[in-house]
Amino acid sequence: MPPGRSAHSLPNDECQCPHWGYVIKGRFTYRSSDSEEVFEAGDAFYLPPGHVGVSNEPGSEMIQFSPSEDLKKTEEVIMQNMQGCNRAEPVVAERLPRISIPAGPARS
């Protein structure tokens, strides 16, 4: 599947689920509306809602943590798009609302 097509039919065709993680091996590249970020082995990362995967090195590995409900909604759309991958156009799922998570209290 071409980069970015897995998020087709999500708002702005971008993943709306935040992710926290750690790159074990390799390199991952993500794009948000205003920048592109590369995460390499040894990097801890945060991806806010509104990102799309651009590429990764073959054999790359990461550990990723995401809010369960947000991830479930996003994965449903991605799975529908992957199932439609052999068709000319991905399956268009119902648009999901943008999810915002309020910031927690500041830590000292």
N, C-alpha and C. Protein backbone atom coordinates (compact mmCIF):
# COMPACT_ATOMS: atom_id res chain seq x y z
N MET A 1 0.86 -1.17 0.00
CA MET A 1 0.00 0.00 0.00
C MET A 1 0.90 1.24 0.00
N PRO A 2 0.64 2.21 -0.87
CA PRO A 2 1.47 3.41 -0.91
C PRO A 2 1.45 4.14 0.42
N PRO A 3 2.56 4.81 0.79
CA PRO A 3 2.59 5.56 2.05
C PRO A 3 1.41 6.52 2.14
N GLY A 4 0.83 6.60 3.32
CA GLY A 4 -0.27 7.51 3.56
C GLY A 4 -1.64 6.99 3.17
N ARG A 5 -1.71 5.95 2.33
CA ARG A 5 -3.00 5.44 1.89
C ARG A 5 -3.72 4.67 2.98
N SER A 6 -2.98 4.15 3.96
CA SER A 6 -3.64 3.39 5.03
C SER A 6 -4.54 4.29 5.86
N ALA A 7 -4.25 5.59 5.92
CA ALA A 7 -5.07 6.53 6.69
C ALA A 7 -6.16 7.18 5.84
N HIS A 8 -6.29 6.75 4.59
CA HIS A 8 -7.32 7.31 3.71
C HIS A 8 -8.69 7.20 4.39
N SER A 9 -9.44 8.24 4.37
CA SER A 9 -10.78 8.40 4.93
C SER A 9 -10.79 8.76 6.41
N LEU A 10 -9.62 8.89 7.03
CA LEU A 10 -9.56 9.52 8.36
C LEU A 10 -9.50 11.03 8.12
N PRO A 11 -9.83 11.85 9.12
CA PRO A 11 -9.75 13.30 8.89
C PRO A 11 -8.38 13.72 8.34
N ASN A 12 -8.40 14.48 7.26
CA ASN A 12 -7.20 14.94 6.56
C ASN A 12 -6.33 13.78 6.07
N ASP A 13 -6.88 12.58 6.00
CA ASP A 13 -6.13 11.37 5.62
C ASP A 13 -4.89 11.18 6.50
N GLU A 14 -5.04 11.50 7.79
CA GLU A 14 -3.96 11.38 8.76
C GLU A 14 -4.43 10.57 9.96
N CYS A 15 -3.51 9.87 10.60
CA CYS A 15 -3.83 9.11 11.80
C CYS A 15 -4.23 10.07 12.91
N GLN A 16 -5.35 9.79 13.56
CA GLN A 16 -5.88 10.66 14.61
C GLN A 16 -5.60 10.12 16.01
N CYS A 17 -4.77 9.11 16.10
CA CYS A 17 -4.43 8.48 17.38
C CYS A 17 -3.02 8.89 17.78
N PRO A 18 -2.84 9.38 19.01
CA PRO A 18 -1.48 9.68 19.45
C PRO A 18 -0.73 8.39 19.77
N HIS A 19 0.59 8.43 19.60
CA HIS A 19 1.43 7.27 19.89
C HIS A 19 2.68 7.71 20.65
N TRP A 20 3.08 6.92 21.60
CA TRP A 20 4.34 7.07 22.30
C TRP A 20 5.12 5.80 22.02
N GLY A 21 6.43 5.90 21.83
CA GLY A 21 7.16 4.67 21.53
C GLY A 21 8.65 4.81 21.64
N TYR A 22 9.29 3.70 21.28
CA TYR A 22 10.74 3.59 21.31
C TYR A 22 11.17 2.74 20.11
N VAL A 23 12.15 3.25 19.34
CA VAL A 23 12.63 2.52 18.17
C VAL A 23 13.74 1.57 18.62
N ILE A 24 13.50 0.29 18.42
CA ILE A 24 14.46 -0.74 18.82
C ILE A 24 15.54 -0.90 17.76
N LYS A 25 15.11 -0.89 16.48
CA LYS A 25 16.04 -1.16 15.38
C LYS A 25 15.53 -0.45 14.13
N GLY A 26 16.44 0.11 13.35
CA GLY A 26 16.07 0.70 12.08
C GLY A 26 15.69 2.16 12.15
N ARG A 27 14.80 2.56 11.23
CA ARG A 27 14.43 3.97 11.08
C ARG A 27 13.00 4.09 10.55
N PHE A 28 12.23 5.01 11.12
CA PHE A 28 10.86 5.30 10.69
C PHE A 28 10.75 6.79 10.38
N THR A 29 10.01 7.12 9.33
CA THR A 29 9.78 8.52 8.96
C THR A 29 8.29 8.79 8.97
N TYR A 30 7.90 9.88 9.65
CA TYR A 30 6.50 10.31 9.75
C TYR A 30 6.39 11.75 9.31
N ARG A 31 5.23 12.09 8.75
CA ARG A 31 4.95 13.46 8.32
C ARG A 31 3.72 13.96 9.07
N SER A 32 3.80 15.19 9.52
CA SER A 32 2.62 15.88 10.04
C SER A 32 2.39 17.08 9.15
N SER A 33 1.38 17.87 9.45
CA SER A 33 1.03 18.96 8.54
C SER A 33 2.17 19.96 8.32
N ASP A 34 3.07 20.10 9.28
CA ASP A 34 4.10 21.12 9.13
C ASP A 34 5.53 20.61 9.15
N SER A 35 5.74 19.30 9.26
CA SER A 35 7.11 18.81 9.31
C SER A 35 7.19 17.32 9.00
N GLU A 36 8.43 16.86 8.84
CA GLU A 36 8.70 15.44 8.66
C GLU A 36 9.74 15.07 9.72
N GLU A 37 9.51 13.96 10.41
CA GLU A 37 10.43 13.53 11.46
C GLU A 37 10.92 12.13 11.19
N VAL A 38 12.20 11.90 11.50
CA VAL A 38 12.82 10.59 11.36
C VAL A 38 13.19 10.12 12.76
N PHE A 39 12.77 8.91 13.10
CA PHE A 39 13.10 8.30 14.38
C PHE A 39 13.96 7.09 14.10
N GLU A 40 15.11 7.01 14.79
CA GLU A 40 16.07 5.94 14.58
C GLU A 40 16.24 5.11 15.84
N ALA A 41 16.92 3.97 15.70
CA ALA A 41 17.16 3.08 16.83
C ALA A 41 17.69 3.88 18.02
N GLY A 42 17.08 3.65 19.18
CA GLY A 42 17.47 4.36 20.40
C GLY A 42 16.63 5.59 20.68
N ASP A 43 15.78 6.01 19.74
CA ASP A 43 14.94 7.21 19.94
C ASP A 43 13.64 6.84 20.64
N ALA A 44 13.27 7.64 21.63
CA ALA A 44 11.92 7.62 22.18
C ALA A 44 11.16 8.68 21.40
N PHE A 45 9.86 8.46 21.16
CA PHE A 45 9.12 9.42 20.36
C PHE A 45 7.69 9.60 20.83
N TYR A 46 7.11 10.71 20.41
CA TYR A 46 5.67 10.99 20.57
C TYR A 46 5.17 11.46 19.22
N LEU A 47 4.09 10.85 18.75
CA LEU A 47 3.42 11.29 17.53
C LEU A 47 2.03 11.78 17.91
N PRO A 48 1.76 13.07 17.76
CA PRO A 48 0.43 13.58 18.09
C PRO A 48 -0.56 13.20 16.99
N PRO A 49 -1.86 13.33 17.26
CA PRO A 49 -2.84 13.12 16.19
C PRO A 49 -2.50 14.03 15.01
N GLY A 50 -2.74 13.52 13.80
CA GLY A 50 -2.49 14.31 12.60
C GLY A 50 -1.17 13.95 11.93
N HIS A 51 -0.76 12.70 11.98
CA HIS A 51 0.49 12.26 11.35
C HIS A 51 0.21 11.15 10.35
N VAL A 52 1.19 10.90 9.52
CA VAL A 52 1.08 9.82 8.54
C VAL A 52 2.47 9.19 8.39
N GLY A 53 2.52 7.87 8.31
CA GLY A 53 3.78 7.18 8.09
C GLY A 53 4.24 7.39 6.66
N VAL A 54 5.52 7.72 6.48
CA VAL A 54 6.06 7.95 5.15
C VAL A 54 6.88 6.75 4.69
N SER A 55 7.78 6.28 5.57
CA SER A 55 8.61 5.13 5.19
C SER A 55 9.25 4.53 6.43
N ASN A 56 9.80 3.35 6.25
CA ASN A 56 10.63 2.73 7.28
C ASN A 56 11.65 1.82 6.60
N GLU A 57 12.79 1.67 7.25
CA GLU A 57 13.81 0.76 6.74
C GLU A 57 13.30 -0.66 6.88
N PRO A 58 13.59 -1.53 5.92
CA PRO A 58 13.22 -2.94 6.09
C PRO A 58 13.84 -3.50 7.37
N GLY A 59 13.07 -4.28 8.10
CA GLY A 59 13.55 -4.88 9.34
C GLY A 59 13.47 -3.98 10.56
N SER A 60 12.92 -2.78 10.40
CA SER A 60 12.80 -1.87 11.54
C SER A 60 11.83 -2.41 12.57
N GLU A 61 12.10 -2.09 13.84
CA GLU A 61 11.23 -2.54 14.93
C GLU A 61 11.04 -1.41 15.93
N MET A 62 9.85 -1.36 16.50
CA MET A 62 9.54 -0.36 17.53
C MET A 62 8.56 -0.96 18.53
N ILE A 63 8.51 -0.33 19.68
CA ILE A 63 7.46 -0.59 20.66
C ILE A 63 6.64 0.68 20.68
N GLN A 64 5.31 0.53 20.61
CA GLN A 64 4.43 1.69 20.52
C GLN A 64 3.29 1.55 21.51
N PHE A 65 2.95 2.65 22.18
CA PHE A 65 1.85 2.69 23.13
C PHE A 65 0.86 3.74 22.66
N SER A 66 -0.44 3.38 22.70
CA SER A 66 -1.49 4.27 22.21
C SER A 66 -2.75 4.07 23.05
N PRO A 67 -3.59 5.11 23.18
CA PRO A 67 -4.87 4.93 23.87
C PRO A 67 -5.72 3.88 23.14
N SER A 68 -6.21 2.90 23.86
CA SER A 68 -6.89 1.75 23.27
C SER A 68 -8.06 2.12 22.36
N GLU A 69 -8.96 2.95 22.84
CA GLU A 69 -10.15 3.29 22.04
C GLU A 69 -9.79 4.05 20.77
N ASP A 70 -8.87 5.01 20.88
CA ASP A 70 -8.44 5.77 19.71
C ASP A 70 -7.78 4.85 18.69
N LEU A 71 -6.93 3.94 19.18
CA LEU A 71 -6.23 3.02 18.29
C LEU A 71 -7.20 2.07 17.60
N LYS A 72 -8.19 1.59 18.34
CA LYS A 72 -9.17 0.67 17.77
C LYS A 72 -9.91 1.32 16.59
N LYS A 73 -10.34 2.57 16.76
CA LYS A 73 -11.05 3.28 15.69
C LYS A 73 -10.16 3.46 14.47
N THR A 74 -8.92 3.81 14.70
CA THR A 74 -7.99 4.02 13.60
C THR A 74 -7.68 2.71 12.89
N GLU A 75 -7.44 1.64 13.65
CA GLU A 75 -7.12 0.35 13.05
C GLU A 75 -8.27 -0.20 12.21
N GLU A 76 -9.51 0.08 12.60
CA GLU A 76 -10.66 -0.37 11.81
C GLU A 76 -10.61 0.23 10.41
N VAL A 77 -10.30 1.51 10.32
CA VAL A 77 -10.22 2.18 9.02
C VAL A 77 -9.03 1.63 8.23
N ILE A 78 -7.89 1.46 8.88
CA ILE A 78 -6.70 0.94 8.19
C ILE A 78 -6.97 -0.45 7.64
N MET A 79 -7.61 -1.31 8.42
CA MET A 79 -7.91 -2.66 7.96
C MET A 79 -8.84 -2.64 6.75
N GLN A 80 -9.85 -1.76 6.77
CA GLN A 80 -10.75 -1.65 5.62
C GLN A 80 -9.97 -1.19 4.39
N ASN A 81 -9.05 -0.27 4.57
CA ASN A 81 -8.25 0.22 3.45
C ASN A 81 -7.32 -0.87 2.93
N MET A 82 -6.76 -1.67 3.82
CA MET A 82 -5.88 -2.76 3.38
C MET A 82 -6.68 -3.82 2.62
N GLN A 83 -7.90 -4.09 3.06
CA GLN A 83 -8.74 -5.05 2.36
C GLN A 83 -9.11 -4.53 0.98
N GLY A 84 -9.23 -3.22 0.84
CA GLY A 84 -9.55 -2.61 -0.45
C GLY A 84 -8.32 -2.35 -1.29
N CYS A 85 -7.15 -2.76 -0.80
CA CYS A 85 -5.88 -2.49 -1.49
C CYS A 85 -5.83 -3.06 -2.90
N ASN A 86 -6.50 -4.17 -3.13
CA ASN A 86 -6.48 -4.79 -4.46
C ASN A 86 -7.47 -4.13 -5.41
N ARG A 87 -8.25 -3.20 -4.91
CA ARG A 87 -9.19 -2.47 -5.76
C ARG A 87 -8.53 -1.19 -6.24
N ALA A 88 -9.19 -0.51 -7.14
CA ALA A 88 -8.64 0.75 -7.66
C ALA A 88 -8.58 1.82 -6.57
N GLU A 89 -9.56 1.85 -5.69
CA GLU A 89 -9.62 2.86 -4.63
C GLU A 89 -9.83 2.16 -3.30
N PRO A 90 -9.25 2.69 -2.19
CA PRO A 90 -9.50 2.11 -0.87
C PRO A 90 -10.97 2.27 -0.49
N VAL A 91 -11.41 1.43 0.41
CA VAL A 91 -12.76 1.54 0.94
C VAL A 91 -12.86 2.85 1.71
N VAL A 92 -13.91 3.61 1.48
CA VAL A 92 -14.09 4.87 2.20
C VAL A 92 -14.95 4.57 3.42
N ALA A 93 -14.36 4.67 4.57
CA ALA A 93 -15.08 4.42 5.82
C ALA A 93 -15.70 5.73 6.31
N GLU A 94 -16.60 5.60 7.25
CA GLU A 94 -17.21 6.78 7.85
C GLU A 94 -16.12 7.65 8.46
N ARG A 95 -16.20 8.93 8.24
CA ARG A 95 -15.19 9.85 8.79
C ARG A 95 -15.30 9.86 10.31
N LEU A 96 -14.14 9.76 10.96
CA LEU A 96 -14.10 9.78 12.42
C LEU A 96 -13.90 11.22 12.89
N PRO A 97 -14.47 11.57 14.03
CA PRO A 97 -14.24 12.92 14.54
C PRO A 97 -12.80 13.06 15.02
N ARG A 98 -12.26 14.26 14.96
CA ARG A 98 -10.92 14.51 15.50
C ARG A 98 -11.01 14.36 17.01
N ILE A 99 -10.08 13.62 17.54
CA ILE A 99 -10.05 13.35 18.98
C ILE A 99 -9.01 14.24 19.61
N SER A 100 -9.39 14.99 20.64
CA SER A 100 -8.40 15.80 21.35
C SER A 100 -8.31 15.30 22.78
N ILE A 101 -7.09 15.23 23.25
CA ILE A 101 -6.83 14.75 24.60
C ILE A 101 -6.31 15.95 25.38
N PRO A 102 -7.01 16.32 26.47
CA PRO A 102 -6.54 17.48 27.24
C PRO A 102 -5.18 17.18 27.87
N ALA A 103 -4.38 18.20 27.99
CA ALA A 103 -3.07 18.06 28.62
C ALA A 103 -3.26 17.80 30.10
N GLY A 104 -2.42 16.94 30.63
CA GLY A 104 -2.46 16.62 32.05
C GLY A 104 -1.77 17.69 32.86
N PRO A 105 -1.78 17.53 34.17
CA PRO A 105 -1.11 18.52 35.03
C PRO A 105 0.40 18.49 34.80
N ALA A 106 1.02 19.64 34.95
CA ALA A 106 2.47 19.73 34.77
C ALA A 106 3.18 18.98 35.89
N ARG A 107 4.26 18.32 35.51
CA ARG A 107 5.05 17.58 36.51
C ARG A 107 6.29 18.40 36.85
N SER A 108 6.71 18.27 38.07
CA SER A 108 7.92 18.99 38.46
C SER A 108 9.05 18.06 38.76
